[in-house]
Amino acid sequence: MLNLDQIDLEELADLMDQRDDSGYLDPKTGEIYPVYDGVIIGLDEDGDPIDAWAADTEGFIALGGEGGRDVYRDMEHFASWVGDRRIRQQLTDALEGHKPMRAFRSVVHSTPEMLGPVWERFRNLRGQLRALDFLGTPDSSGERLVAEAEVEARRAHVVQEADTILEGLGGSAPGRLILLNGLPGVGKSALARAYVATRPGALNLDIDILRTLLGGPWEDTAEAGRSLALTLIESHLDSGHEVVVPQLVADRDQLKRFEEAAGDAEFVVVLLEGEPRRGDQPWQQQITPQEMDDYRRRLEHFVSKRAGVQTLQVVDGDPTATLADLERLLGTD
């Protein structure tokens, strides 16, 4: 296992933000070997050039990632924090136009506020976070290149520096999307109402209620209601506010739609655990015991496959205590 001081994390970040085959990492020494025009730059212990055959023989790890896709997302995040509305709009327009990444760099390096160096440092820090994810992710045998504790300690420092850069841009933090997940009747809607009641500007976006505002049979409003909700989420998060969605989500594709709507905002999934009670919504009246068991199995599978889900035990008969627990979990108490 390597130590982080054996690895040039900034160089690793730069290579991983390029396309596949941008370089190699020696897992024994931490040495990084860039690739230019198909040629590996570096010498082995005997002073001989390293070729692709030697890299494979020595067990080197090929580097490379999603290339421009990751950096484009970094650009979007950076632009959203720029306090000067004129510059922020220029950056946004650049990202939506022809050759967006080149246009973004042209704008950011031509501003009188000297945002160019600030952007370059932020970009590398974001790349370092991706590199740390790579180093700390177990392989198929459960082995990591770097110990998890060391990775997390460095991650905290990198995140802090990146956050400091964003705060210095004069903008404001994007909002936060909170998905209160759980079985039907467990208390998601009541908890969402209680949470937003004391948080000015926060939106309780109950999709089941939203669907009752749409014309047509209830069973035909699912997709229209969800699409409308996603649009409302994006708009309200852009204003810097929180959005709370009390909704059963046990489908990976549906969860991905919420993640995409959150964009650069924080996305928190909280799974409520407790004894379900039959609610007063139209569809809740029709749930059979077999359907409830199916929901339960799907949620258990969802939690087992989804990292980072926060769990919250509903305090039966004491909504105030449940709200207090949620606020502590979210860091808003």
Protein backbone atom coordinates (compact mmCIF):
# COMPACT_ATOMS: atom_id res chain seq x y z
CA MET A 1 0.00 0.00 0.00
CA LEU A 2 1.23 3.47 -0.90
CA ASN A 3 1.41 6.63 1.17
CA LEU A 4 0.12 9.88 -0.33
CA ASP A 5 3.53 11.51 0.05
CA GLN A 6 4.82 8.99 -2.53
CA ILE A 7 2.40 10.34 -5.15
CA ASP A 8 2.36 13.67 -6.96
CA LEU A 9 -1.35 14.24 -6.46
CA GLU A 10 -1.51 17.32 -8.69
CA GLU A 11 0.10 15.47 -11.59
CA LEU A 12 -2.17 12.49 -11.03
CA ALA A 13 -5.17 14.83 -11.06
CA ASP A 14 -4.09 16.39 -14.36
CA LEU A 15 -3.65 13.01 -16.04
CA MET A 16 -6.94 11.63 -14.73
CA ASP A 17 -8.79 14.62 -16.16
CA GLN A 18 -7.64 13.62 -19.62
CA ARG A 19 -8.87 10.80 -21.80
CA ASP A 20 -7.93 7.17 -21.28
CA ASP A 21 -4.27 6.21 -21.74
CA SER A 22 -2.98 9.58 -20.54
CA GLY A 23 -0.38 7.90 -18.33
CA TYR A 24 0.49 5.13 -15.91
CA LEU A 25 0.87 4.80 -12.15
CA ASP A 26 3.33 2.34 -10.61
CA PRO A 27 1.39 0.88 -7.66
CA LYS A 28 4.61 -0.22 -5.99
CA THR A 29 6.40 3.14 -5.92
CA GLY A 30 3.75 5.76 -6.64
CA GLU A 31 5.75 6.97 -9.65
CA ILE A 32 3.66 8.53 -12.43
CA TYR A 33 4.55 8.14 -16.11
CA PRO A 34 2.74 10.47 -18.56
CA VAL A 35 2.04 9.37 -22.13
CA TYR A 36 2.57 11.81 -25.02
CA ASP A 37 1.73 10.81 -28.60
CA GLY A 38 1.60 7.18 -27.51
CA VAL A 39 5.06 7.28 -25.92
CA ILE A 40 5.52 6.65 -22.19
CA ILE A 41 7.75 9.33 -20.68
CA GLY A 42 10.03 7.84 -18.07
CA LEU A 43 12.84 5.43 -17.34
CA ASP A 44 12.88 2.20 -15.40
CA GLU A 45 15.27 1.38 -12.56
CA ASP A 46 17.96 0.45 -15.08
CA GLY A 47 17.62 3.74 -16.93
CA ASP A 48 15.89 2.18 -19.94
CA PRO A 49 12.80 3.72 -21.57
CA ILE A 50 9.49 2.17 -20.53
CA ASP A 51 7.24 0.87 -23.28
CA ALA A 52 3.66 -0.37 -23.14
CA TRP A 53 4.79 -3.99 -22.83
CA ALA A 54 6.97 -3.15 -19.84
CA ALA A 55 4.16 -1.15 -18.24
CA ASP A 56 1.81 -4.12 -18.50
CA THR A 57 4.47 -6.54 -17.29
CA GLU A 58 5.19 -4.44 -14.21
CA GLY A 59 1.51 -4.14 -13.37
CA PHE A 60 1.30 -0.40 -13.96
CA ILE A 61 -2.20 1.08 -13.71
CA ALA A 62 -3.44 2.96 -16.78
CA LEU A 63 -4.71 6.46 -16.00
CA GLY A 64 -7.40 8.57 -17.61
CA GLY A 65 -10.98 9.51 -16.99
CA GLU A 66 -13.92 11.19 -18.63
CA GLY A 67 -11.72 13.97 -19.94
CA GLY A 68 -13.62 17.12 -20.75
CA ARG A 69 -16.85 15.94 -19.13
CA ASP A 70 -15.47 16.22 -15.59
CA VAL A 71 -13.78 19.55 -16.29
CA TYR A 72 -16.96 20.90 -17.89
CA ARG A 73 -18.85 20.14 -14.67
CA ASP A 74 -16.11 21.93 -12.73
CA MET A 75 -16.57 24.95 -14.98
CA GLU A 76 -20.32 24.97 -14.35
CA HIS A 77 -19.76 24.81 -10.60
CA PHE A 78 -17.14 27.57 -10.65
CA ALA A 79 -19.33 29.85 -12.78
CA SER A 80 -22.31 29.41 -10.46
CA TRP A 81 -20.30 30.93 -7.59
CA VAL A 82 -19.04 34.04 -9.39
CA GLY A 83 -20.60 37.03 -7.64
CA ASP A 84 -20.29 39.50 -10.52
CA ARG A 85 -23.51 38.94 -12.47
CA ARG A 86 -22.02 40.17 -15.74
CA ILE A 87 -19.04 37.81 -15.57
CA ARG A 88 -21.20 34.93 -14.36
CA GLN A 89 -23.47 35.39 -17.36
CA GLN A 90 -20.49 35.53 -19.73
CA LEU A 91 -19.19 32.26 -18.32
CA THR A 92 -22.63 30.65 -18.54
CA ASP A 93 -23.07 31.80 -22.13
CA ALA A 94 -19.62 30.44 -22.99
CA LEU A 95 -20.53 27.02 -21.62
CA GLU A 96 -23.73 26.94 -23.65
CA GLY A 97 -22.13 28.01 -26.91
CA HIS A 98 -19.71 26.71 -29.54
CA LYS A 99 -16.54 25.04 -28.20
CA PRO A 100 -17.68 25.74 -24.62
CA MET A 101 -14.53 24.83 -22.72
CA ARG A 102 -12.29 26.95 -24.91
CA ALA A 103 -14.76 29.82 -24.69
CA PHE A 104 -14.92 29.49 -20.89
CA ARG A 105 -11.13 29.67 -20.58
CA SER A 106 -11.07 32.71 -22.86
CA VAL A 107 -13.55 34.52 -20.62
CA VAL A 108 -12.02 33.50 -17.31
CA HIS A 109 -8.50 34.50 -18.36
CA SER A 110 -9.57 37.87 -19.77
CA THR A 111 -11.45 39.20 -16.75
CA PRO A 112 -9.92 42.23 -15.01
CA GLU A 113 -10.54 40.41 -11.72
CA MET A 114 -7.77 37.94 -12.62
CA LEU A 115 -10.01 34.90 -12.30
CA GLY A 116 -7.76 32.80 -14.53
CA PRO A 117 -5.26 31.66 -11.87
CA VAL A 118 -8.11 31.19 -9.39
CA TRP A 119 -9.93 28.95 -11.84
CA GLU A 120 -6.81 26.89 -12.61
CA ARG A 121 -6.21 26.23 -8.92
CA PHE A 122 -9.84 25.31 -8.35
CA ARG A 123 -9.82 23.00 -11.37
CA ASN A 124 -6.78 21.15 -10.05
CA LEU A 125 -8.31 20.81 -6.60
CA ARG A 126 -11.42 19.25 -8.09
CA GLY A 127 -9.17 16.93 -10.05
CA GLN A 128 -7.36 16.01 -6.84
CA LEU A 129 -10.67 14.96 -5.32
CA ARG A 130 -11.26 12.63 -8.26
CA ALA A 131 -7.72 11.31 -7.91
CA LEU A 132 -8.30 10.66 -4.20
CA ASP A 133 -11.48 8.75 -5.06
CA PHE A 134 -9.41 6.63 -7.43
CA LEU A 135 -6.70 5.97 -4.84
CA GLY A 136 -9.16 5.14 -2.08
CA THR A 137 -11.56 2.91 -4.01
CA PRO A 138 -11.09 -0.81 -3.31
CA ASP A 139 -10.33 -3.06 -6.26
CA SER A 140 -12.09 -6.36 -6.93
CA SER A 141 -10.10 -7.99 -4.13
CA GLY A 142 -10.90 -5.24 -1.63
CA GLU A 143 -7.42 -3.69 -1.71
CA ARG A 144 -6.87 0.07 -1.86
CA LEU A 145 -3.84 1.87 -3.27
CA VAL A 146 -3.85 4.23 -0.27
CA ALA A 147 -5.36 3.69 3.17
CA GLU A 148 -8.90 5.04 3.50
CA ALA A 149 -8.08 7.13 6.59
CA GLU A 150 -5.21 8.89 4.82
CA VAL A 151 -7.36 9.56 1.76
CA GLU A 152 -10.19 11.03 3.85
CA ALA A 153 -7.81 13.25 5.82
CA ARG A 154 -6.35 14.70 2.63
CA ARG A 155 -9.80 15.02 1.11
CA ALA A 156 -10.90 17.23 4.00
CA HIS A 157 -8.00 19.63 3.36
CA VAL A 158 -8.63 19.73 -0.40
CA VAL A 159 -12.36 20.33 0.08
CA GLN A 160 -11.64 23.14 2.53
CA GLU A 161 -9.26 24.88 0.10
CA ALA A 162 -11.71 24.50 -2.80
CA ASP A 163 -14.56 25.87 -0.67
CA THR A 164 -12.41 28.85 0.35
CA ILE A 165 -11.78 29.63 -3.33
CA LEU A 166 -15.50 29.53 -4.11
CA GLU A 167 -16.38 31.71 -1.14
CA GLY A 168 -13.84 34.27 -2.35
CA LEU A 169 -15.65 34.62 -5.68
CA GLY A 170 -18.37 36.68 -4.05
CA GLY A 171 -21.28 34.43 -4.94
CA SER A 172 -23.56 32.38 -2.75
CA ALA A 173 -23.93 28.67 -2.18
CA PRO A 174 -26.40 26.80 -4.34
CA GLY A 175 -29.40 25.36 -2.54
CA ARG A 176 -29.80 21.89 -1.12
CA LEU A 177 -32.10 19.10 -2.27
CA ILE A 178 -33.31 16.82 0.52
CA LEU A 179 -35.08 13.61 -0.51
CA LEU A 180 -37.08 12.15 2.38
CA ASN A 181 -37.41 8.54 1.28
CA GLY A 182 -39.28 5.71 2.93
CA LEU A 183 -42.30 3.43 2.91
CA PRO A 184 -45.78 4.82 2.23
CA GLY A 185 -47.31 6.19 5.42
CA VAL A 186 -44.05 6.34 7.39
CA GLY A 187 -44.37 10.12 7.88
CA LYS A 188 -42.39 11.67 5.03
CA SER A 189 -44.92 14.38 4.17
CA ALA A 190 -45.58 15.42 7.76
CA LEU A 191 -41.86 15.67 8.47
CA ALA A 192 -41.29 17.73 5.31
CA ARG A 193 -44.01 20.19 6.35
CA ALA A 194 -42.55 20.53 9.82
CA TYR A 195 -39.01 21.04 8.50
CA VAL A 196 -39.82 23.87 6.08
CA ALA A 197 -42.14 25.61 8.55
CA THR A 198 -39.19 27.22 10.33
CA ARG A 199 -36.94 27.71 7.28
CA PRO A 200 -37.90 30.79 5.22
CA GLY A 201 -37.72 30.15 1.49
CA ALA A 202 -37.48 26.36 1.80
CA LEU A 203 -39.88 24.51 -0.51
CA ASN A 204 -41.85 21.44 0.53
CA LEU A 205 -42.33 19.82 -2.87
CA ASP A 206 -44.79 17.01 -2.23
CA ILE A 207 -45.14 15.37 -5.64
CA ASP A 208 -48.23 13.42 -4.59
CA ILE A 209 -50.01 16.69 -3.79
CA LEU A 210 -48.67 18.25 -6.98
CA ARG A 211 -50.24 15.42 -8.96
CA THR A 212 -53.67 16.21 -7.51
CA LEU A 213 -53.44 19.62 -9.22
CA LEU A 214 -53.12 18.01 -12.64
CA GLY A 215 -56.15 17.08 -14.71
CA GLY A 216 -56.95 13.50 -15.59
CA PRO A 217 -57.06 10.21 -13.68
CA TRP A 218 -54.58 9.92 -10.79
CA GLU A 219 -52.77 6.95 -12.31
CA ASP A 220 -52.05 8.96 -15.49
CA THR A 221 -50.34 11.90 -13.75
CA ALA A 222 -47.16 10.20 -12.49
CA GLU A 223 -44.75 11.24 -15.24
CA ALA A 224 -46.23 14.70 -15.74
CA GLY A 225 -46.11 15.37 -12.00
CA ARG A 226 -42.54 14.16 -11.69
CA SER A 227 -41.35 16.21 -14.68
CA LEU A 228 -43.01 19.32 -13.29
CA ALA A 229 -41.42 18.67 -9.90
CA LEU A 230 -37.94 18.34 -11.42
CA THR A 231 -38.36 21.71 -13.16
CA LEU A 232 -39.44 23.33 -9.89
CA ILE A 233 -36.47 21.77 -8.09
CA GLU A 234 -33.95 23.21 -10.54
CA SER A 235 -35.51 26.67 -10.42
CA HIS A 236 -35.72 26.86 -6.63
CA LEU A 237 -32.23 25.50 -6.05
CA ASP A 238 -30.85 28.13 -8.43
CA SER A 239 -32.24 30.77 -6.09
CA GLY A 240 -30.12 29.35 -3.27
CA HIS A 241 -32.95 27.77 -1.29
CA GLU A 242 -33.59 24.29 0.05
CA VAL A 243 -36.06 21.91 -1.55
CA VAL A 244 -37.50 19.02 0.46
CA VAL A 245 -39.11 16.18 -1.49
CA PRO A 246 -41.07 13.59 0.54
CA GLN A 247 -41.20 10.76 -1.96
CA LEU A 248 -40.74 7.00 -2.12
CA VAL A 249 -37.88 6.41 -4.57
CA ALA A 250 -36.56 2.86 -4.94
CA ASP A 251 -35.66 2.99 -8.61
CA ARG A 252 -32.11 3.88 -9.68
CA ASP A 253 -33.23 5.69 -12.83
CA GLN A 254 -35.68 7.87 -10.93
CA LEU A 255 -33.04 8.72 -8.34
CA LYS A 256 -30.67 9.73 -11.13
CA ARG A 257 -33.25 12.25 -12.35
CA PHE A 258 -33.27 13.88 -8.92
CA GLU A 259 -29.47 13.92 -8.87
CA GLU A 260 -29.39 15.63 -12.25
CA ALA A 261 -31.97 18.18 -11.12
CA ALA A 262 -29.81 18.99 -8.09
CA GLY A 263 -26.89 19.89 -10.35
CA ASP A 264 -24.17 21.52 -8.26
CA ALA A 265 -26.40 21.77 -5.20
CA GLU A 266 -25.96 19.38 -2.30
CA PHE A 267 -28.16 16.29 -2.63
CA VAL A 268 -29.05 14.45 0.58
CA VAL A 269 -31.05 11.22 0.71
CA VAL A 270 -32.64 10.47 4.08
CA LEU A 271 -34.37 7.12 4.55
CA LEU A 272 -37.11 7.25 7.19
CA GLU A 273 -37.54 4.06 9.17
CA GLY A 274 -40.62 3.31 11.23
CA GLU A 275 -44.01 1.63 11.25
CA PRO A 276 -46.11 2.78 8.26
CA ARG A 277 -49.58 4.21 8.84
CA ARG A 278 -52.27 4.36 6.16
CA GLY A 279 -52.36 7.90 4.79
CA ASP A 280 -55.15 9.95 3.27
CA GLN A 281 -53.71 10.24 -0.26
CA PRO A 282 -55.80 8.54 -2.99
CA TRP A 283 -53.15 6.04 -3.95
CA GLN A 284 -52.32 5.11 -0.33
CA GLN A 285 -55.85 3.81 0.18
CA GLN A 286 -55.27 1.19 -2.50
CA ILE A 287 -51.96 -0.30 -1.26
CA THR A 288 -52.20 -4.02 -0.52
CA PRO A 289 -50.01 -5.85 2.05
CA GLN A 290 -48.22 -7.57 -0.83
CA GLU A 291 -47.44 -4.21 -2.43
CA MET A 292 -46.15 -2.88 0.89
CA ASP A 293 -43.83 -5.88 1.20
CA ASP A 294 -42.61 -5.24 -2.34
CA TYR A 295 -41.89 -1.58 -1.48
CA ARG A 296 -39.97 -2.74 1.59
CA ARG A 297 -37.80 -5.17 -0.40
CA ARG A 298 -37.07 -2.55 -3.05
CA LEU A 299 -36.04 0.00 -0.44
CA GLU A 300 -33.75 -2.51 1.27
CA HIS A 301 -32.11 -3.21 -2.09
CA PHE A 302 -31.89 0.53 -2.78
CA VAL A 303 -30.05 1.20 0.47
CA SER A 304 -27.65 -1.70 -0.07
CA LYS A 305 -26.65 -0.33 -3.49
CA ARG A 306 -26.67 3.42 -2.79
CA ALA A 307 -23.74 4.85 -0.84
CA GLY A 308 -24.25 7.81 1.46
CA VAL A 309 -27.92 7.26 2.36
CA GLN A 310 -28.68 8.73 5.79
CA THR A 311 -31.16 6.79 7.93
CA LEU A 312 -33.55 8.38 10.42
CA GLN A 313 -35.74 6.52 12.88
CA VAL A 314 -39.19 8.06 13.15
CA VAL A 315 -40.08 8.63 16.81
CA ASP A 316 -43.58 7.16 17.04
CA GLY A 317 -46.05 9.68 18.43
CA ASP A 318 -43.47 12.45 18.79
CA PRO A 319 -43.08 14.47 15.56
CA THR A 320 -41.14 17.17 17.40
CA ALA A 321 -38.44 14.68 18.38
CA THR A 322 -38.28 13.31 14.83
CA LEU A 323 -37.88 16.85 13.47
CA ALA A 324 -35.10 17.56 15.96
CA ASP A 325 -33.30 14.38 14.89
CA LEU A 326 -33.61 15.38 11.22
CA GLU A 327 -32.22 18.85 11.90
CA ARG A 328 -29.26 17.34 13.75
CA LEU A 329 -28.64 14.92 10.89
CA LEU A 330 -28.69 17.76 8.35
CA GLY A 331 -26.64 20.10 10.52
CA THR A 332 -29.40 22.70 10.79
CA ASP A 333 -30.25 22.42 14.49
